[in-house]
Amino acid sequence: MRKMIAVAAVVVATSANAAEELKFGDVNYFLKEGQFNVAADVNQTFDKYKYQGTTLETRGVLFSTQFAYAYNDQFNAFLGLDYAYDRETEDKTNPSISDRKKADYSSDGLANPILGANYRYMNQNDSRYNVDFGVLARINIEDAEKGDTNITNAKNGNFADSRSSLELNARTGRKWNIANEWQLAAGAVYFTEGDTTVNDVAGDIKLEDDSSFDLYVRATYQYRPVNEFMMLLSAQATQVGETQSDIKGGGKIESDSHLDWDFGFVAKYLVTDTFIARINYNISRNPDYDIKTAGTTEELSRRHANFFGLGVDFLF
């Protein structure tokens, strides 16, 4: 009888470990040595805010790609590229403009490329939780330009950020049974100094952007009722640090720190053992904050944003 009980205990323990095996598509999945991962997304984006009595809406398409390679079971590196296409900003305060396109401006182009690496410090097969550490750099490769809407002579900008940045992050999580999984993440992002040109219709304005510091935390839950189908929910809070830009020629632009919230949903389908198709949806509902320009304070309000689209994930 004792032998039977011992054998049964071993079988139960083995089954539990098998049920918690991390698979391609899981939130806590970590690339194995020699594996190569390619992910691509195309999302329709929408942003809206009100500033100085003007309501602006921006719509566009964002193409995102990421390429990752695992040097071993504990270390991988990746490259990310984002490109904005047909990203138009429209002044919604003047609906009577006869030729609307003349008042719109575009902000297309390449975002700052991403270079990063991840290290798996603990694995749930050996310990109770997965623990990862990561580093991520966004590198400015072109001058940042901001557009300006005007009834007769709008001026375009681009999608670049004037400042490079360095992010350090940590993640912990666990897949506790065959269907349920969670992950918690936290990170700090340091933005370097940079230069921006505001393509104002009254004359270009040159800005010297100071460095700043952001912090974020993110919680993720994924439900995988069957191997082929997954549903992911996430929530992220980002403490955006106070920023300041010096106007060449005199004056400053100062933006207050504020707390932004992002909520995401992803539905994923495992087409083959190495190919995932997904549907993305994200929504942001963010607080108002003040911007002080040359001694005058204005409120940036009614800040809403969302995106939705499709993505693919390949494992080689």
Protein backbone atom coordinates (compact mmCIF):
# COMPACT_ATOMS: atom_id res chain seq x y z
CA MET A 1 0.00 0.00 0.00
CA ARG A 2 2.79 2.42 0.89
CA LYS A 3 4.49 1.71 -2.43
CA MET A 4 1.25 2.39 -4.29
CA ILE A 5 0.80 5.70 -2.45
CA ALA A 6 4.38 6.71 -3.23
CA VAL A 7 3.95 5.85 -6.92
CA ALA A 8 0.68 7.80 -7.05
CA ALA A 9 2.38 10.84 -5.48
CA VAL A 10 5.16 10.73 -8.07
CA VAL A 11 2.60 10.47 -10.90
CA VAL A 12 0.62 13.45 -9.55
CA ALA A 13 3.76 15.55 -9.15
CA THR A 14 4.93 14.68 -12.65
CA SER A 15 1.52 15.54 -14.10
CA ALA A 16 1.49 18.90 -12.30
CA ASN A 17 4.91 19.80 -13.71
CA ALA A 18 3.85 18.75 -17.20
CA ALA A 19 0.72 20.90 -16.95
CA GLU A 20 2.88 23.92 -16.09
CA GLU A 21 5.26 23.50 -19.02
CA LEU A 22 5.84 26.81 -20.79
CA LYS A 23 4.88 26.69 -24.45
CA PHE A 24 5.21 29.00 -27.43
CA GLY A 25 2.54 31.67 -26.96
CA ASP A 26 2.70 31.74 -23.17
CA VAL A 27 3.44 35.09 -21.53
CA ASN A 28 6.41 33.68 -19.63
CA TYR A 29 7.80 31.65 -22.52
CA PHE A 30 11.55 32.21 -22.98
CA LEU A 31 13.34 31.36 -26.21
CA LYS A 32 15.50 28.25 -26.10
CA GLU A 33 19.08 28.11 -27.33
CA GLY A 34 19.29 28.65 -31.08
CA GLN A 35 15.66 29.68 -31.54
CA PHE A 36 14.83 32.72 -33.68
CA ASN A 37 11.59 34.67 -33.26
CA VAL A 38 10.01 37.10 -35.74
CA ALA A 39 6.94 39.12 -34.73
CA ALA A 40 5.06 41.69 -36.82
CA ASP A 41 1.97 43.83 -36.18
CA VAL A 42 -0.07 46.31 -38.15
CA ASN A 43 -2.31 48.51 -35.99
CA GLN A 44 -4.72 51.34 -36.71
CA THR A 45 -3.96 54.08 -34.16
CA PHE A 46 -6.04 56.96 -32.79
CA ASP A 47 -5.04 59.82 -30.49
CA LYS A 48 -7.07 62.81 -29.31
CA TYR A 49 -6.40 65.75 -27.01
CA LYS A 50 -7.34 69.38 -26.44
CA TYR A 51 -4.74 72.13 -26.01
CA GLN A 52 -5.04 75.93 -26.12
CA GLY A 53 -8.69 75.65 -27.10
CA THR A 54 -7.92 73.39 -30.07
CA THR A 55 -8.99 69.75 -30.31
CA LEU A 56 -6.60 67.60 -32.36
CA GLU A 57 -7.21 64.06 -33.61
CA THR A 58 -4.48 61.87 -35.06
CA ARG A 59 -5.15 58.70 -37.04
CA GLY A 60 -2.66 56.44 -38.76
CA VAL A 61 -1.25 52.99 -39.31
CA LEU A 62 1.68 51.67 -37.29
CA PHE A 63 3.83 48.79 -38.57
CA SER A 64 5.86 47.09 -35.82
CA THR A 65 8.44 44.33 -36.17
CA GLN A 66 10.71 42.53 -33.72
CA PHE A 67 13.52 40.04 -34.34
CA ALA A 68 14.90 38.01 -31.42
CA TYR A 69 17.59 35.31 -31.12
CA ALA A 70 18.43 33.09 -28.14
CA TYR A 71 22.14 32.58 -27.57
CA ASN A 72 21.28 30.06 -24.86
CA ASP A 73 18.31 29.09 -22.66
CA GLN A 74 18.94 32.07 -20.37
CA PHE A 75 19.92 34.92 -22.70
CA ASN A 76 18.39 36.42 -25.83
CA ALA A 77 18.77 39.67 -27.76
CA PHE A 78 16.32 41.49 -30.02
CA LEU A 79 15.88 44.32 -32.50
CA GLY A 80 12.63 46.28 -32.94
CA LEU A 81 11.55 48.61 -35.75
CA ASP A 82 8.34 50.71 -35.91
CA TYR A 83 7.12 52.70 -38.90
CA ALA A 84 4.15 55.11 -39.00
CA TYR A 85 2.23 55.36 -42.26
CA ASP A 86 -0.51 57.82 -43.27
CA ARG A 87 -0.50 59.32 -39.78
CA GLU A 88 -2.60 62.48 -40.16
CA THR A 89 -3.43 65.09 -37.51
CA GLU A 90 -6.65 67.07 -37.96
CA ASP A 91 -7.89 70.21 -36.25
CA LYS A 92 -11.44 69.34 -35.11
CA THR A 93 -12.09 72.83 -33.73
CA ASN A 94 -12.65 74.34 -37.19
CA PRO A 95 -15.14 72.02 -38.92
CA SER A 96 -16.12 74.69 -41.48
CA ILE A 97 -12.80 74.56 -43.35
CA SER A 98 -13.71 73.89 -47.00
CA ASP A 99 -10.49 72.10 -47.95
CA ARG A 100 -9.80 69.96 -44.91
CA LYS A 101 -6.60 68.39 -46.30
CA LYS A 102 -4.87 71.76 -46.37
CA ALA A 103 -5.27 72.02 -42.59
CA ASP A 104 -4.03 68.51 -41.79
CA TYR A 105 -0.40 67.58 -41.23
CA SER A 106 1.33 64.21 -41.32
CA SER A 107 3.83 62.61 -38.94
CA ASP A 108 5.01 59.58 -40.88
CA GLY A 109 8.31 57.75 -40.77
CA LEU A 110 10.54 55.53 -38.68
CA ALA A 111 10.45 55.60 -34.90
CA ASN A 112 13.64 55.27 -32.88
CA PRO A 113 14.95 51.70 -33.44
CA ILE A 114 15.01 49.39 -30.42
CA LEU A 115 17.90 47.20 -29.24
CA GLY A 116 17.48 44.98 -26.21
CA ALA A 117 18.38 41.83 -24.32
CA ASN A 118 16.75 39.57 -21.71
CA TYR A 119 18.26 37.31 -19.07
CA ARG A 120 16.30 34.53 -17.33
CA TYR A 121 17.53 34.42 -13.76
CA MET A 122 15.03 31.85 -12.44
CA ASN A 123 12.88 29.25 -14.18
CA GLN A 124 9.65 27.81 -12.80
CA ASN A 125 10.87 24.29 -13.62
CA ASP A 126 13.63 24.71 -11.03
CA SER A 127 12.06 27.36 -8.80
CA ARG A 128 8.50 28.40 -8.08
CA TYR A 129 8.55 31.46 -10.34
CA ASN A 130 10.13 32.77 -13.52
CA VAL A 131 12.31 35.84 -12.98
CA ASP A 132 13.73 37.83 -15.90
CA PHE A 133 15.84 40.97 -16.21
CA GLY A 134 15.97 43.10 -19.33
CA VAL A 135 17.65 46.11 -20.87
CA LEU A 136 16.26 48.10 -23.79
CA ALA A 137 17.64 51.08 -25.71
CA ARG A 138 15.76 53.31 -28.15
CA ILE A 139 18.24 55.12 -30.38
CA ASN A 140 17.59 58.45 -32.10
CA ILE A 141 18.83 58.23 -35.71
CA GLU A 142 17.20 61.32 -37.25
CA ASP A 143 16.15 64.80 -36.17
CA ALA A 144 12.71 64.99 -34.59
CA GLU A 145 10.20 67.31 -36.24
CA LYS A 146 6.72 68.27 -35.05
CA GLY A 147 4.06 69.45 -37.49
CA ASP A 148 1.59 72.31 -37.22
CA THR A 149 -2.03 72.50 -38.39
CA ASN A 150 -3.12 75.63 -40.20
CA ILE A 151 -6.17 76.52 -42.32
CA THR A 152 -4.16 77.24 -45.47
CA ASN A 153 -0.60 76.06 -44.93
CA ALA A 154 -0.12 73.13 -42.56
CA LYS A 155 3.45 71.87 -42.06
CA ASN A 156 4.38 68.20 -41.63
CA GLY A 157 6.48 66.53 -38.96
CA ASN A 158 7.88 63.01 -38.52
CA PHE A 159 7.57 60.06 -36.12
CA ALA A 160 11.03 60.27 -34.55
CA ASP A 161 11.66 61.03 -30.88
CA SER A 162 14.34 63.65 -30.30
CA ARG A 163 15.77 61.75 -27.34
CA SER A 164 17.40 58.35 -27.07
CA SER A 165 16.43 56.29 -24.02
CA LEU A 166 17.67 53.44 -21.85
CA GLU A 167 15.28 51.12 -20.00
CA LEU A 168 15.97 48.60 -17.24
CA ASN A 169 13.17 46.19 -16.34
CA ALA A 170 12.38 43.11 -14.28
CA ARG A 171 9.61 40.54 -14.68
CA THR A 172 8.27 37.70 -12.59
CA GLY A 173 5.46 35.28 -13.34
CA ARG A 174 4.17 31.76 -13.31
CA LYS A 175 1.98 29.41 -15.28
CA TRP A 176 0.26 27.65 -12.40
CA ASN A 177 -1.82 25.20 -14.43
CA ILE A 178 -2.47 24.28 -18.03
CA ALA A 179 -4.85 27.22 -18.63
CA ASN A 180 -3.82 30.11 -16.35
CA GLU A 181 -0.76 32.31 -16.26
CA TRP A 182 0.30 35.66 -14.81
CA GLN A 183 3.21 38.06 -14.99
CA LEU A 184 4.20 41.26 -13.16
CA ALA A 185 6.73 43.70 -14.62
CA ALA A 186 8.36 46.95 -13.55
CA GLY A 187 10.79 49.23 -15.30
CA ALA A 188 12.63 52.53 -15.26
CA VAL A 189 13.30 54.56 -18.42
CA TYR A 190 15.92 57.31 -18.70
CA PHE A 191 15.60 59.75 -21.62
CA THR A 192 18.70 61.61 -22.76
CA GLU A 193 18.82 65.19 -24.02
CA GLY A 194 17.83 65.92 -27.62
CA ASP A 195 16.80 68.52 -30.18
CA THR A 196 13.39 69.05 -31.79
CA THR A 197 12.27 71.31 -34.61
CA VAL A 198 8.66 72.54 -34.48
CA ASN A 199 7.66 73.25 -38.07
CA ASP A 200 5.45 76.20 -37.16
CA VAL A 201 3.73 78.07 -40.00
CA ALA A 202 5.00 81.34 -38.53
CA GLY A 203 8.58 80.08 -38.58
CA ASP A 204 10.44 77.00 -37.35
CA ILE A 205 11.07 76.79 -33.61
CA LYS A 206 14.16 75.02 -32.31
CA LEU A 207 13.92 73.21 -28.96
CA GLU A 208 16.60 71.73 -26.73
CA ASP A 209 14.88 68.90 -24.84
CA ASP A 210 16.24 68.09 -21.38
CA SER A 211 16.59 64.59 -19.96
CA SER A 212 13.80 63.00 -17.92
CA PHE A 213 12.88 59.79 -16.10
CA ASP A 214 9.79 57.53 -16.32
CA LEU A 215 8.67 54.58 -14.18
CA TYR A 216 6.09 51.89 -14.99
CA VAL A 217 4.46 48.76 -13.61
CA ARG A 218 2.47 46.23 -15.65
CA ALA A 219 0.25 43.26 -14.77
CA THR A 220 -0.62 40.57 -17.33
CA TYR A 221 -2.97 37.59 -17.19
CA GLN A 222 -3.45 34.99 -19.90
CA TYR A 223 -6.13 32.31 -20.17
CA ARG A 224 -5.38 29.35 -22.46
CA PRO A 225 -8.38 26.98 -22.28
CA VAL A 226 -7.01 24.87 -25.13
CA ASN A 227 -3.51 24.74 -26.56
CA GLU A 228 -4.51 26.54 -29.76
CA PHE A 229 -6.34 29.54 -28.28
CA MET A 230 -5.20 32.24 -25.83
CA MET A 231 -6.71 35.43 -24.39
CA LEU A 232 -4.45 38.00 -22.75
CA LEU A 233 -5.38 40.98 -20.56
CA SER A 234 -2.90 43.62 -19.41
CA ALA A 235 -2.86 46.87 -17.47
CA GLN A 236 0.07 49.29 -17.25
CA ALA A 237 0.57 52.43 -15.16
CA THR A 238 3.35 54.80 -16.27
CA GLN A 239 4.57 57.68 -14.15
CA VAL A 240 5.72 60.13 -16.83
CA GLY A 241 8.38 62.43 -15.44
CA GLU A 242 8.38 66.20 -15.65
CA THR A 243 9.94 67.41 -18.90
CA GLN A 244 11.49 70.70 -19.95
CA SER A 245 12.59 72.13 -23.29
CA ASP A 246 14.60 75.30 -23.83
CA ILE A 247 13.44 77.44 -26.76
CA LYS A 248 16.43 78.63 -28.74
CA GLY A 249 16.19 82.37 -28.65
CA GLY A 250 14.63 82.50 -25.19
CA GLY A 251 11.92 80.87 -23.09
CA LYS A 252 11.07 77.41 -21.80
CA ILE A 253 8.37 74.78 -22.24
CA GLU A 254 7.69 72.78 -19.07
CA SER A 255 5.30 69.81 -18.84
CA ASP A 256 4.08 68.48 -15.50
CA SER A 257 4.58 64.87 -14.48
CA HIS A 258 1.47 62.68 -14.79
CA LEU A 259 0.25 59.09 -14.49
CA ASP A 260 -0.86 57.38 -17.72
CA TRP A 261 -2.94 54.18 -17.89
CA ASP A 262 -2.98 51.61 -20.70
CA PHE A 263 -5.24 48.56 -20.94
CA GLY A 264 -4.71 45.83 -23.50
CA PHE A 265 -6.44 42.75 -24.90
CA VAL A 266 -4.89 40.19 -27.25
CA ALA A 267 -6.56 37.11 -28.72
CA LYS A 268 -4.04 34.59 -30.07
CA TYR A 269 -4.50 31.47 -32.18
CA LEU A 270 -1.80 28.83 -32.60
CA VAL A 271 -2.04 28.03 -36.32
CA THR A 272 0.91 25.61 -36.22
CA ASP A 273 3.44 24.72 -33.52
CA THR A 274 5.61 27.63 -34.69
CA PHE A 275 3.08 30.19 -36.01
CA ILE A 276 0.66 32.38 -34.03
CA ALA A 277 -1.90 34.82 -35.42
CA ARG A 278 -3.33 37.47 -33.09
CA ILE A 279 -5.81 40.32 -32.74
CA ASN A 280 -4.65 43.37 -30.76
CA TYR A 281 -6.65 46.03 -28.93
CA ASN A 282 -5.37 48.71 -26.56
CA ILE A 283 -7.05 51.65 -24.91
CA SER A 284 -5.61 54.58 -22.90
CA ARG A 285 -7.53 56.94 -20.67
CA ASN A 286 -5.10 59.50 -19.35
CA PRO A 287 -5.37 62.47 -16.97
CA ASP A 288 -5.05 66.15 -17.84
CA TYR A 289 -1.79 67.95 -17.12
CA ASP A 290 -0.37 71.47 -17.42
CA ILE A 291 2.15 72.80 -19.92
CA LYS A 292 3.88 76.08 -19.16
CA THR A 293 5.22 77.99 -22.18
CA ALA A 294 7.18 81.22 -21.67
CA GLY A 295 5.35 81.85 -18.39
CA THR A 296 1.86 81.01 -19.68
CA THR A 297 0.17 77.86 -18.37
CA GLU A 298 -2.26 75.85 -20.50
CA GLU A 299 -3.93 72.52 -19.79
CA LEU A 300 -3.55 69.50 -22.05
CA SER A 301 -6.88 67.73 -21.58
CA ARG A 302 -9.29 65.10 -22.92
CA ARG A 303 -6.43 62.74 -23.66
CA HIS A 304 -7.67 59.52 -25.27
CA ALA A 305 -5.85 56.94 -27.36
CA ASN A 306 -6.40 53.44 -28.69
CA PHE A 307 -5.21 51.04 -31.34
CA PHE A 308 -6.43 47.82 -32.86
CA GLY A 309 -5.03 45.50 -35.48
CA LEU A 310 -3.53 42.16 -36.40
CA GLY A 311 -0.22 40.46 -35.70
CA VAL A 312 1.79 37.33 -36.43
CA ASP A 313 4.46 35.52 -34.45
CA PHE A 314 6.91 33.01 -35.99
CA LEU A 315 9.33 30.68 -34.19
CA PHE A 316 12.27 29.21 -36.07
